[in-house]
Protein backbone atom coordinates (compact mmCIF):
# COMPACT_ATOMS: atom_id res chain seq x y z
CA UNK A 1 0.00 0.00 0.00
CA UNK A 2 1.08 3.58 -0.60
CA UNK A 3 1.40 5.31 2.75
CA UNK A 4 0.50 9.02 3.22
CA UNK A 5 3.32 11.51 2.72
CA UNK A 6 2.26 13.73 5.61
CA UNK A 7 1.54 12.52 9.13
CA UNK A 8 -0.12 14.96 11.51
CA UNK A 9 1.63 14.56 14.86
CA UNK A 10 -0.30 12.84 17.65
CA UNK A 11 0.03 15.63 20.18
CA UNK A 12 -1.23 14.86 23.65
CA UNK A 13 -3.11 15.20 25.76
CA UNK A 14 -6.10 15.90 23.49
CA UNK A 15 -4.46 18.55 21.28
CA UNK A 16 -4.72 16.04 18.44
CA UNK A 17 -8.34 15.18 19.06
CA UNK A 18 -10.90 13.63 16.72
CA UNK A 19 -11.77 16.96 15.10
CA UNK A 20 -8.19 17.67 14.07
CA UNK A 21 -7.51 14.11 12.93
CA UNK A 22 -10.69 14.09 10.86
CA UNK A 23 -9.93 17.46 9.26
CA UNK A 24 -6.51 16.16 8.18
CA UNK A 25 -7.69 12.74 7.04
CA UNK A 26 -10.41 14.03 4.74
CA UNK A 27 -7.67 15.87 2.82
CA UNK A 28 -5.67 12.70 2.19
CA UNK A 29 -2.95 13.00 4.85
CA UNK A 30 -2.78 10.81 7.96
CA UNK A 31 -4.78 12.37 10.76
CA UNK A 32 -3.64 11.12 14.15
CA UNK A 33 -5.51 11.11 17.45
CA UNK A 34 -3.56 11.32 20.69
CA UNK A 35 -4.39 8.22 22.71
CA UNK A 36 -2.78 9.50 25.91
CA UNK A 37 -5.25 9.84 28.80
CA UNK A 38 -8.29 9.49 26.54
CA UNK A 39 -10.20 7.93 29.43
CA UNK A 40 -9.80 11.17 31.40
CA UNK A 41 -10.55 13.35 28.36
CA UNK A 42 -13.80 11.56 27.53
CA UNK A 43 -14.90 11.29 31.17
CA UNK A 44 -14.40 15.02 31.66
CA UNK A 45 -16.13 15.95 28.41
CA UNK A 46 -19.12 13.92 29.57
CA UNK A 47 -19.06 15.61 32.97
CA UNK A 48 -19.06 18.99 31.23
CA UNK A 49 -22.35 18.03 29.60
CA UNK A 50 -20.98 16.66 26.30
CA UNK A 51 -21.42 19.85 24.27
CA UNK A 52 -22.69 18.90 20.82
CA UNK A 53 -23.46 15.35 21.93
CA UNK A 54 -20.38 13.91 20.22
CA UNK A 55 -19.27 11.60 23.03
CA UNK A 56 -22.77 10.16 23.30
CA UNK A 57 -22.92 9.71 19.52
CA UNK A 58 -19.70 7.72 19.68
CA UNK A 59 -21.00 5.69 22.62
CA UNK A 60 -24.19 4.94 20.69
CA UNK A 61 -22.03 3.21 18.06
CA UNK A 62 -20.10 1.13 20.62
CA UNK A 63 -20.75 -2.56 19.90
CA UNK A 64 -21.77 -3.50 23.44
CA UNK A 65 -24.81 -1.68 24.81
CA UNK A 66 -24.25 -2.78 28.41
CA UNK A 67 -20.71 -1.34 28.49
CA UNK A 68 -21.82 1.88 26.81
CA UNK A 69 -24.61 2.20 29.35
CA UNK A 70 -22.25 1.74 32.28
CA UNK A 71 -19.89 4.42 30.95
CA UNK A 72 -22.75 6.86 30.36
CA UNK A 73 -24.26 6.26 33.79
CA UNK A 74 -20.91 6.68 35.52
CA UNK A 75 -19.72 9.87 33.82
CA UNK A 76 -22.41 11.87 32.01
CA UNK A 77 -23.71 15.00 33.76
CA UNK A 78 -26.51 16.61 31.72
CA UNK A 79 -26.25 19.76 33.86
CA UNK A 80 -22.51 20.15 33.20
CA UNK A 81 -21.01 23.14 31.39
CA UNK A 82 -17.58 24.20 30.14
CA UNK A 83 -17.20 25.93 33.52
CA UNK A 84 -17.44 22.55 35.27
CA UNK A 85 -14.07 21.58 36.75
CA UNK A 86 -15.13 19.64 39.83
CA UNK A 87 -14.39 16.35 38.10
CA UNK A 88 -14.86 12.94 39.64
CA UNK A 89 -11.46 11.24 39.99
CA UNK A 90 -10.62 8.22 37.87
CA UNK A 91 -9.56 4.98 39.47
CA UNK A 92 -5.78 4.75 39.20
CA UNK A 93 -4.53 1.72 37.31
CA UNK A 94 -2.39 -0.58 39.44
CA UNK A 95 -0.74 -3.94 38.92
CA UNK A 96 -2.67 -7.06 39.93
CA UNK A 97 -1.60 -10.68 40.24
CA UNK A 98 -3.12 -11.63 36.88
CA UNK A 99 -2.43 -8.30 35.16
CA UNK A 100 -6.10 -7.38 34.68
CA UNK A 101 -7.91 -4.20 35.75
CA UNK A 102 -11.30 -3.49 37.36
CA UNK A 103 -14.17 -3.61 34.89
CA UNK A 104 -15.02 0.09 35.29
CA UNK A 105 -11.45 1.03 34.37
CA UNK A 106 -11.37 -1.11 31.22
CA UNK A 107 -14.93 -0.07 30.26
CA UNK A 108 -13.96 3.59 30.15
CA UNK A 109 -10.56 3.08 28.51
CA UNK A 110 -11.87 0.89 25.69
CA UNK A 111 -14.93 3.06 25.10
CA UNK A 112 -12.96 6.32 25.12
CA UNK A 113 -10.51 5.11 22.49
CA UNK A 114 -13.34 3.68 20.41
CA UNK A 115 -15.23 6.99 20.56
CA UNK A 116 -12.29 9.11 19.47
CA UNK A 117 -11.42 6.91 16.49
CA UNK A 118 -15.07 6.43 15.51
CA UNK A 119 -15.59 10.20 15.41
CA UNK A 120 -12.32 10.82 13.55
CA UNK A 121 -13.33 8.29 10.85
CA UNK A 122 -16.99 9.30 10.67
CA UNK A 123 -18.33 10.19 7.23
CA UNK A 124 -15.21 9.75 5.06
CA UNK A 125 -12.79 7.06 3.84
CA UNK A 126 -9.51 8.74 4.84
CA UNK A 127 -6.88 7.10 7.03
CA UNK A 128 -6.79 7.70 10.78
CA UNK A 129 -4.04 6.80 13.25
CA UNK A 130 -3.63 6.90 17.01
CA UNK A 131 -0.50 7.75 18.99
CA UNK A 132 0.45 6.18 22.32
CA UNK A 133 3.44 6.50 24.66
CA UNK A 134 5.52 3.47 25.64
CA UNK A 135 6.23 5.28 28.93
CA UNK A 136 2.52 5.06 29.79
CA UNK A 137 2.26 1.28 29.76
CA UNK A 138 -0.62 0.26 32.01
CA UNK A 139 -3.56 1.58 29.91
CA UNK A 140 -2.11 0.63 26.52
CA UNK A 141 -3.50 -2.91 26.01
CA UNK A 142 -7.10 -1.83 26.70
CA UNK A 143 -6.67 1.49 24.86
CA UNK A 144 -5.25 -0.13 21.73
CA UNK A 145 -8.07 -2.66 21.68
CA UNK A 146 -10.65 0.14 21.80
CA UNK A 147 -8.99 1.92 18.88
CA UNK A 148 -8.85 -1.28 16.82
CA UNK A 149 -12.50 -1.96 17.60
CA UNK A 150 -13.28 1.33 15.83
CA UNK A 151 -11.15 0.40 12.80
CA UNK A 152 -8.03 2.52 13.39
CA UNK A 153 -5.66 2.37 10.40
CA UNK A 154 -2.31 3.14 12.07
CA UNK A 155 -0.90 2.81 15.58
CA UNK A 156 2.13 5.00 16.32
CA UNK A 157 4.19 4.76 19.47
CA UNK A 158 7.26 6.49 20.88
CA UNK A 159 8.72 7.63 24.22
CA UNK A 160 10.50 4.33 24.63
CA UNK A 161 11.12 1.14 22.65
CA UNK A 162 7.71 -0.49 22.05
CA UNK A 163 8.97 -3.97 21.15
CA UNK A 164 5.85 -5.83 22.30
CA UNK A 165 3.17 -3.71 20.62
CA UNK A 166 3.33 -5.24 17.09
CA UNK A 167 2.66 -8.69 18.57
CA UNK A 168 -0.19 -7.26 20.63
CA UNK A 169 -1.80 -5.95 17.43
CA UNK A 170 -1.42 -9.40 15.86
CA UNK A 171 -3.16 -11.10 18.77
CA UNK A 172 -6.06 -8.66 18.78
CA UNK A 173 -6.44 -9.05 15.01
CA UNK A 174 -6.84 -12.80 15.57
CA UNK A 175 -9.52 -12.21 18.22
CA UNK A 176 -7.30 -13.16 21.13
CA UNK A 177 -6.58 -11.53 24.47
CA UNK A 178 -3.38 -9.51 24.75
CA UNK A 179 -0.72 -8.66 27.28
CA UNK A 180 2.54 -6.73 27.50
CA UNK A 181 5.41 -6.79 29.95
CA UNK A 182 5.64 -3.85 32.32
CA UNK A 183 8.92 -2.37 33.49
CA UNK A 184 9.36 -2.44 37.27
CA UNK A 185 12.42 -0.64 38.54
CA UNK A 186 14.58 -2.76 40.83
CA UNK A 187 13.04 -6.07 39.74
CA UNK A 188 15.30 -8.96 38.74
CA UNK A 189 15.67 -9.74 35.02
CA UNK A 190 13.90 -13.07 35.35
CA UNK A 191 10.85 -11.51 37.02
CA UNK A 192 7.94 -10.92 34.68
CA UNK A 193 5.21 -8.38 35.35
CA UNK A 194 2.37 -8.04 32.86
CA UNK A 195 -0.72 -6.00 32.16
CA UNK A 196 -3.39 -7.97 30.34
CA UNK A 197 -6.62 -7.22 28.50
CA UNK A 198 -9.35 -9.77 27.82
CA UNK A 199 -11.91 -8.57 25.18
CA UNK A 200 -14.74 -10.51 26.83
CA UNK A 201 -14.37 -8.24 29.89
CA UNK A 202 -16.08 -5.40 27.99
CA UNK A 203 -17.83 -7.17 25.09
CA UNK A 204 -20.42 -9.90 25.42
CA UNK A 205 -19.57 -11.03 21.86
CA UNK A 206 -16.02 -9.98 20.90
CA UNK A 207 -15.28 -10.05 17.15
CA UNK A 208 -13.53 -13.19 15.97
CA UNK A 209 -11.10 -11.12 13.91
CA UNK A 210 -10.27 -7.43 13.46
CA UNK A 211 -8.29 -5.38 10.95
CA UNK A 212 -4.65 -5.20 11.99
CA UNK A 213 -3.51 -1.56 11.78
CA UNK A 214 -0.10 -0.59 10.45
CA UNK A 215 2.42 -0.06 13.22
CA UNK A 216 4.86 2.88 13.12
CA UNK A 217 7.56 3.17 15.78
CA UNK A 218 8.71 6.69 16.66
CA UNK A 219 12.46 6.68 17.35
CA UNK A 220 15.35 9.12 17.51
CA UNK A 221 18.17 7.08 15.99
CA UNK A 222 19.10 4.49 13.37
CA UNK A 223 20.12 2.09 16.17
CA UNK A 224 16.65 2.19 17.71
CA UNK A 225 15.05 1.76 14.29
CA UNK A 226 17.19 -1.30 13.63
CA UNK A 227 16.37 -2.62 17.11
CA UNK A 228 12.65 -2.36 16.42
CA UNK A 229 13.02 -4.27 13.15
CA UNK A 230 15.11 -7.09 14.60
CA UNK A 231 13.60 -7.54 18.06
CA UNK A 232 9.93 -6.51 17.86
CA UNK A 233 7.29 -9.17 18.59
CA UNK A 234 5.60 -8.65 15.22
CA UNK A 235 5.81 -6.67 12.01
CA UNK A 236 6.94 -3.04 12.15
CA UNK A 237 5.42 -1.34 9.10
CA UNK A 238 7.34 1.93 9.29
CA UNK A 239 9.50 4.25 11.34
CA UNK A 240 9.11 7.90 12.27
CA UNK A 241 12.54 9.42 12.92
CA UNK A 242 11.96 12.33 15.29
CA UNK A 243 14.84 14.68 16.09
CA UNK A 244 15.39 16.78 19.20
CA UNK A 245 13.75 19.92 17.81
CA UNK A 246 10.30 18.29 17.89
CA UNK A 247 7.77 19.34 20.50
CA UNK A 248 6.84 17.25 23.51
CA UNK A 249 9.29 14.67 24.79
CA UNK A 250 12.71 14.34 23.18
CA UNK A 251 15.21 11.53 23.49
CA UNK A 252 18.07 12.54 25.79
CA UNK A 253 21.45 13.25 24.18
CA UNK A 254 23.64 10.19 23.76
CA UNK A 255 26.38 9.96 26.37
CA UNK A 256 26.72 12.06 29.50
CA UNK A 257 24.08 14.79 29.79
CA UNK A 258 25.58 18.28 29.50
CA UNK A 259 23.68 21.57 29.62
CA UNK A 260 24.44 24.79 27.77
CA UNK A 261 24.65 28.21 29.43
CA UNK A 262 20.84 28.52 29.23
CA UNK A 263 20.25 25.18 30.95
CA UNK A 264 19.21 23.18 27.88
CA UNK A 265 20.62 19.74 26.93
CA UNK A 266 23.48 19.84 24.43
CA UNK A 267 23.01 17.59 21.41
CA UNK A 268 25.94 16.70 19.17
CA UNK A 269 26.90 14.72 16.04
CA UNK A 270 26.10 11.42 17.76
CA UNK A 271 22.47 12.50 17.97
CA UNK A 272 22.14 13.03 14.20
CA UNK A 273 20.62 10.31 12.04
CA UNK A 274 22.31 9.00 8.90
CA UNK A 275 19.34 8.79 6.55
CA UNK A 276 21.30 6.69 4.07
CA UNK A 277 21.40 3.98 6.74
CA UNK A 278 17.65 4.37 7.22
CA UNK A 279 17.16 3.77 3.50
CA UNK A 280 19.17 0.57 3.91
CA UNK A 281 16.58 -0.81 6.32
CA UNK A 282 14.15 -1.14 3.38
CA UNK A 283 11.18 0.11 5.34
CA UNK A 284 9.04 3.26 4.93
CA UNK A 285 10.20 6.09 7.18
CA UNK A 286 9.11 9.64 7.92
CA UNK A 287 11.12 12.58 9.26
CA UNK A 288 9.85 14.62 12.22
CA UNK A 289 11.11 17.75 13.99
CA UNK A 290 11.74 20.94 11.93
CA UNK A 291 10.12 19.46 8.83
CA UNK A 292 7.28 21.95 8.56
CA UNK A 293 8.46 24.16 5.69
CA UNK A 294 6.81 24.30 2.24
CA UNK A 295 9.68 22.29 0.73
CA UNK A 296 10.04 19.79 3.59
CA UNK A 297 8.12 17.02 1.86
CA UNK A 298 10.39 17.21 -1.17
CA UNK A 299 13.49 17.48 1.05
CA UNK A 300 12.48 14.37 2.99
CA UNK A 301 11.94 12.38 -0.18
CA UNK A 302 15.33 13.43 -1.47
CA UNK A 303 16.71 11.79 1.69
CA UNK A 304 14.86 8.58 0.80
CA UNK A 305 12.00 9.09 3.26
CA UNK A 306 8.33 8.41 2.57
CA UNK A 307 7.40 11.81 3.95
CA UNK A 308 7.21 13.97 7.07
CA UNK A 309 5.51 14.16 10.46
CA UNK A 310 4.35 17.65 11.44
CA UNK A 311 3.03 18.68 14.84
CA UNK A 312 3.45 22.34 15.81
CA UNK A 313 1.73 23.79 12.74
CA UNK A 314 -1.36 21.70 13.50
CA UNK A 315 -1.25 22.45 17.23
CA UNK A 316 -2.33 26.05 16.65
CA UNK A 317 -4.88 25.54 13.88
CA UNK A 318 -8.59 26.13 14.38
CA UNK A 319 -9.41 22.41 14.77
CA UNK A 320 -6.78 21.83 17.46
CA UNK A 321 -7.96 20.77 20.89
CA UNK A 322 -6.00 23.58 22.56
CA UNK A 323 -7.99 26.29 24.32
CA UNK A 324 -8.51 29.14 21.81
CA UNK A 325 -7.20 31.61 24.41
CA UNK A 326 -3.89 29.73 24.68
CA UNK A 327 -3.55 29.48 20.90
CA UNK A 328 -4.16 33.20 20.48
CA UNK A 329 -1.71 34.17 23.22
CA UNK A 330 1.10 32.07 21.85
CA UNK A 331 0.55 33.24 18.26
CA UNK A 332 0.46 36.86 19.46
CA UNK A 333 3.83 36.29 21.16
CA UNK A 334 5.11 34.73 17.95
CA UNK A 335 4.04 37.72 15.85
CA UNK A 336 5.63 40.07 18.38
CA UNK A 337 8.91 38.15 18.19
CA UNK A 338 8.64 37.13 21.86
CA UNK A 339 7.88 33.42 21.55
CA UNK A 340 10.48 31.29 23.32
CA UNK A 341 10.77 27.52 23.55
CA UNK A 342 12.88 25.93 26.28
CA UNK A 343 14.04 22.31 26.24
CA UNK A 344 13.69 21.56 29.94
CA UNK A 345 15.87 18.67 31.15
CA UNK A 346 13.86 18.01 34.31
CA UNK A 347 10.26 19.16 33.80
CA UNK A 348 8.88 15.78 32.75
CA UNK A 349 8.43 12.98 35.30
CA UNK A 350 9.61 10.59 32.57
CA UNK A 351 13.18 11.90 32.82
CA UNK A 352 13.15 12.78 29.12
CA UNK A 353 13.85 16.38 28.02
CA UNK A 354 10.57 18.19 27.39
CA UNK A 355 9.84 21.24 25.22
CA UNK A 356 8.10 24.08 27.07
CA UNK A 357 6.61 27.26 25.62
CA UNK A 358 7.49 30.10 27.98
CA UNK A 359 4.08 31.70 28.42
CA UNK A 360 2.80 33.89 31.23
CA UNK A 361 0.38 32.26 33.66
CA UNK A 362 1.43 28.71 32.80
CA UNK A 363 3.64 26.22 34.63
CA UNK A 364 6.54 27.43 32.48
CA UNK A 365 6.85 30.27 35.02
CA UNK A 366 8.78 29.27 38.12
CA UNK A 367 6.50 31.27 40.41
CA UNK A 368 3.38 29.56 39.04
CA UNK A 369 5.04 26.15 39.30
CA UNK A 370 6.16 26.71 42.90
CA UNK A 371 2.74 28.00 43.96
CA UNK A 372 0.98 24.81 42.84
CA UNK A 373 0.24 22.32 45.60
CA UNK A 374 1.81 19.04 44.52
CA UNK A 375 -0.68 16.21 44.10
CA UNK A 376 -0.61 12.96 42.12
CA UNK A 377 -4.23 12.18 41.29
CA UNK A 378 -3.88 10.93 37.69
CA UNK A 379 -0.89 8.62 37.95
CA UNK A 380 -0.15 8.11 34.25
CA UNK A 381 3.57 8.83 34.60
CA UNK A 382 4.12 7.05 37.89
CA UNK A 383 7.18 4.81 38.03
CA UNK A 384 6.64 1.22 39.16
CA UNK A 385 9.33 -0.03 41.53
CA UNK A 386 10.08 -3.04 43.68
CA UNK A 387 9.73 -2.27 47.38
CA UNK A 388 12.08 -3.77 50.01
CA UNK A 389 9.35 -6.22 51.04
CA UNK A 390 8.96 -7.46 47.44
CA UNK A 391 5.76 -5.61 46.54
CA UNK A 392 5.18 -3.14 43.70
CA UNK A 393 5.20 0.53 44.66
CA UNK A 394 4.31 3.65 42.71
CA UNK A 395 6.12 6.99 42.73
CA UNK A 396 6.20 10.10 40.58
CA UNK A 397 8.77 12.92 40.66
CA UNK A 398 5.87 15.39 40.42
CA UNK A 399 4.13 14.16 43.57
CA UNK A 400 4.89 15.80 46.96
CA UNK A 401 8.67 15.75 47.28
CA UNK A 402 8.71 14.17 50.75
CA UNK A 403 6.48 11.34 49.53
CA UNK A 404 8.65 10.73 46.45
CA UNK A 405 11.85 10.66 48.50
CA UNK A 406 10.29 8.34 51.10
CA UNK A 407 9.73 5.83 48.28
CA UNK A 408 13.38 5.91 47.25
CA UNK A 409 13.19 8.71 44.70
CA UNK A 410 16.04 11.21 44.36
CA UNK A 411 15.22 14.73 45.57
CA UNK A 412 17.12 16.33 42.66
CA UNK A 413 14.88 14.48 40.19
CA UNK A 414 11.77 15.90 41.85
CA UNK A 415 12.98 19.49 42.10
CA UNK A 416 11.71 20.71 38.70
CA UNK A 417 9.22 17.99 37.81
CA UNK A 418 5.82 19.27 36.60
CA UNK A 419 2.60 17.29 36.79
CA UNK A 420 2.10 16.85 33.05
CA UNK A 421 -1.04 14.75 33.54
CA UNK A 422 -2.98 17.69 34.97
CA UNK A 423 -1.24 20.49 33.05
CA UNK A 424 -1.86 18.97 29.63
CA UNK A 425 -5.54 18.43 30.44
CA UNK A 426 -5.72 22.08 31.51
CA UNK A 427 -4.50 23.01 28.01
CA UNK A 428 -7.87 21.77 26.73
CA UNK A 429 -10.08 23.46 29.31
CA UNK A 430 -10.34 20.16 31.20
CA UNK A 431 -8.23 21.19 34.16
CA UNK A 432 -9.40 19.94 37.54
CA UNK A 433 -10.24 22.00 40.59
CA UNK A 434 -8.04 20.96 43.49
CA UNK A 435 -6.89 22.19 46.90
CA UNK A 436 -10.08 24.14 47.39
CA UNK A 437 -10.94 26.59 44.63
CA UNK A 438 -7.66 26.41 42.70
CA UNK A 439 -7.66 25.31 39.08
CA UNK A 440 -4.85 23.36 37.45
CA UNK A 441 -2.63 25.55 35.25
CA UNK A 442 -1.71 24.71 31.65
CA UNK A 443 1.71 24.01 30.17
CA UNK A 444 2.19 24.31 26.42
CA UNK A 445 4.69 22.17 24.53
CA UNK A 446 5.82 23.39 21.12
CA UNK A 447 8.52 22.42 18.63
CA UNK A 448 11.73 24.43 18.64
CA UNK A 449 11.63 25.44 14.97
CA UNK A 450 9.18 28.35 14.76
CA UNK A 451 10.08 29.84 11.39
CA UNK A 452 7.58 27.63 9.58
CA UNK A 453 4.82 28.74 11.97
CA UNK A 454 5.73 32.40 11.37
CA UNK A 455 5.52 31.91 7.60
CA UNK A 456 2.21 30.06 7.90
CA UNK A 457 0.66 32.83 10.03
CA UNK A 458 1.88 35.53 7.64
CA UNK A 459 0.17 33.71 4.78
CA UNK A 460 -3.10 32.60 6.40
CA UNK A 461 -3.44 34.70 9.56
CA UNK A 462 -3.74 33.47 13.12
CA UNK A 463 -7.13 31.78 12.63
CA UNK A 464 -5.89 29.24 10.09
CA UNK A 465 -7.23 25.73 9.49
CA UNK A 466 -5.79 22.24 9.15
CA UNK A 467 -6.41 22.48 5.41
CA UNK A 468 -4.33 25.67 5.33
CA UNK A 469 -1.47 23.74 6.93
CA UNK A 470 -1.65 21.05 4.27
CA UNK A 471 -1.74 23.64 1.49
CA UNK A 472 1.28 25.33 3.08
CA UNK A 473 3.10 21.98 3.13
CA UNK A 474 2.38 21.41 -0.56
CA UNK A 475 -0.45 18.92 -0.34
CA UNK A 476 -3.55 19.40 -2.45
CA UNK A 477 -6.80 17.58 -1.85
CA UNK A 478 -6.70 13.81 -1.45
CA UNK A 479 -2.99 13.55 -0.82
CA UNK A 480 -1.51 14.76 -4.10
CA UNK A 481 1.82 16.59 -3.83
CA UNK A 482 2.14 19.72 -5.92
CA UNK A 483 5.39 20.13 -7.79
């Protein structure tokens, strides 16, 4: 099959939602939904009254009426509004002896991923993908099943080395249950911890077979690409090579971490990718990070790539899930020449460098960050570790420092760690009220290369659309590349 030349980045949480993915897909590129924390996104949309009825429309199409009914009864508030932020907490996923989760947890996770893909694919025949993070392991088996149940065409995964995901897709396509190994810090090599999903837990009549989506691994180096091809549990259909200028999480520099005078990680020649070697792998690959210029598609193909992955340009378009107020403020700063992106070495609980847009009133400001009362009520980025008595514990650098240290965490790791779970939901207007009347603050992540965004805004203005982005990138309707 001929793969799309342009992949819209799967920006989480909820920036790449079903509206954006659909707008891109109908034009012939690959629209990608962010699968990160979709259970929280859908639950909070329902609690805000489900403006437009989209979540309920997706639930109405879910193939098991009993599961759909349980989700609706648990989370829908007809009196909710966009001003609702007193959200009911989700049950935190934790390891169990057999690797399964409580029914209510799997119900919501499967349904949420189904809804988002169903809506993104509704009414057209374009291709739709979903992006997950290897670092967020516990929800992934149930989440991936929900996306496949809705007919997702591509699964993309980065932030780690997702060796077991291709095999998981194969098992689901055959109508089987699926499981993946979970990393537990401090556990012996021979110890095996799994998280498992059984389709019959949410479906009274699971399909005997399902379409197996293409799997694209997002990596930062040729070595990791080669590792995926030689060690993965199933077929890897393509590779996205994402460099350190991309938004969100970046791979750390190879070797000892060094910071420049401004406090950002220093990347060197070892962190560059030899695209000729990538061509030698004989697999489709896309280039991401600073490939958002009008000639980037042609440049990538001259390097032997299939195309490009673009995130930042789509993040600020009209169909993006970002709050309009945040979009406008950042684009105003861009036009004024004041936009600044900082690659923070310690902001993410994952330990990976993380791109932060320095914007007033967000957690990019030290004073705002320090004023926030630390709380870990989402738990997506918690680290699993082996306790001295042999049990599994959970810790997060963004939780209260004393609590993190008491669990064996290093105080220097916690010093700058932001709660990305809550901040990224706040970017969408889904921030939670906590500690009384306080509301979680947002934190924008943006790619480092802003010249393409400047050129796009000069051409189309600040209220541009996803179609404008594709025109800017040289794509006409239905995926044709203009010469």
